Amino acid sequence: MPDFGLKFFILQKRVLNLYRYAIRASRSLPDPQTRSETIAWFRSEIERNRHLTDVATIEDKLTAGRREIRQIFPSSQGPARR
């Protein structure tokens, strides 16, 4: 079993913050169907990567997630990096 350190748990919080931000940003989409599909897609991406334990890989996925949110919602700044 991997030894989960403080960095891993900080990354977990960052993933949750990114997910919450994606939900809030999706409110700008006018079509409810598009909004729900966007949220479902983002959630499925998080679920698909749930098994990851490597800190560097998780950080890469977070960066990619931020980039995707900026592409979907260009007016959004994205969640703050902590």
Protein backbone atom coordinates (compact mmCIF):
# COMPACT_ATOMS: atom_id res chain seq x y z
CA MET A 1 0.00 0.00 0.00
CA PRO A 2 1.41 3.40 -0.93
CA ASP A 3 2.39 5.82 1.81
CA PHE A 4 0.05 8.80 1.39
CA GLY A 5 1.67 11.95 2.67
CA LEU A 6 0.46 15.45 3.27
CA LYS A 7 1.00 16.43 -0.37
CA PHE A 8 -1.44 13.73 -1.52
CA PHE A 9 -4.18 15.00 0.77
CA ILE A 10 -3.57 18.59 -0.34
CA LEU A 11 -3.97 17.43 -3.92
CA GLN A 12 -7.25 15.74 -3.02
CA LYS A 13 -8.55 19.08 -1.80
CA ARG A 14 -7.37 20.77 -4.99
CA VAL A 15 -9.23 18.19 -7.09
CA LEU A 16 -12.42 18.81 -5.12
CA ASN A 17 -11.98 22.57 -5.49
CA LEU A 18 -11.51 22.18 -9.24
CA TYR A 19 -14.67 20.08 -9.46
CA ARG A 20 -16.66 22.62 -7.46
CA TYR A 21 -15.32 25.39 -9.66
CA ALA A 22 -16.36 23.51 -12.81
CA ILE A 23 -19.90 23.20 -11.43
CA ARG A 24 -20.04 26.91 -10.61
CA ALA A 25 -18.59 27.88 -14.00
CA SER A 26 -21.12 25.69 -15.80
CA ARG A 27 -23.88 27.98 -14.57
CA SER A 28 -22.89 30.35 -17.38
CA LEU A 29 -24.07 27.80 -19.97
CA PRO A 30 -27.58 28.79 -21.07
CA ASP A 31 -28.79 25.32 -22.11
CA PRO A 32 -29.62 23.03 -19.14
CA GLN A 33 -28.89 19.88 -21.19
CA THR A 34 -25.43 21.17 -22.14
CA ARG A 35 -24.79 22.17 -18.54
CA SER A 36 -25.67 18.73 -17.18
CA GLU A 37 -23.62 16.97 -19.87
CA THR A 38 -20.62 19.17 -19.11
CA ILE A 39 -20.84 18.44 -15.39
CA ALA A 40 -21.30 14.71 -16.06
CA TRP A 41 -18.28 14.68 -18.36
CA PHE A 42 -16.10 16.49 -15.82
CA ARG A 43 -17.21 14.15 -13.04
CA SER A 44 -16.49 11.10 -15.18
CA GLU A 45 -12.97 12.39 -15.80
CA ILE A 46 -12.41 12.69 -12.07
CA GLU A 47 -13.87 9.24 -11.43
CA ARG A 48 -11.75 7.75 -14.22
CA ASN A 49 -8.59 9.03 -12.53
CA ARG A 50 -9.67 8.23 -8.98
CA HIS A 51 -7.16 5.39 -8.66
CA LEU A 52 -4.10 7.61 -9.20
CA THR A 53 -1.66 7.82 -6.31
CA ASP A 54 1.41 9.36 -7.95
CA VAL A 55 1.65 13.01 -6.91
CA ALA A 56 3.25 14.16 -10.18
CA THR A 57 0.55 12.48 -12.26
CA ILE A 58 -2.21 14.03 -10.15
CA GLU A 59 -0.62 17.47 -10.54
CA ASP A 60 -0.45 16.95 -14.31
CA LYS A 61 -4.13 15.98 -14.39
CA LEU A 62 -5.04 19.06 -12.34
CA THR A 63 -3.17 21.28 -14.78
CA ALA A 64 -4.96 19.63 -17.70
CA GLY A 65 -8.31 20.07 -15.93
CA ARG A 66 -7.68 23.77 -15.39
CA ARG A 67 -6.74 24.14 -19.05
CA GLU A 68 -9.91 22.37 -20.18
CA ILE A 69 -12.07 24.58 -17.98
CA ARG A 70 -10.41 27.66 -19.50
CA GLN A 71 -11.21 26.31 -22.97
CA ILE A 72 -14.83 25.52 -22.14
CA PHE A 73 -15.41 28.73 -20.18
CA PRO A 74 -13.02 31.32 -21.68
CA SER A 75 -14.24 34.13 -19.42
CA SER A 76 -13.37 32.16 -16.29
CA GLN A 77 -10.10 32.60 -14.45
CA GLY A 78 -10.12 29.13 -12.94
CA PRO A 79 -9.67 28.18 -9.32
CA ALA A 80 -6.74 29.62 -7.46
CA ARG A 81 -3.68 27.42 -7.16
CA ARG A 82 -2.85 26.61 -3.58
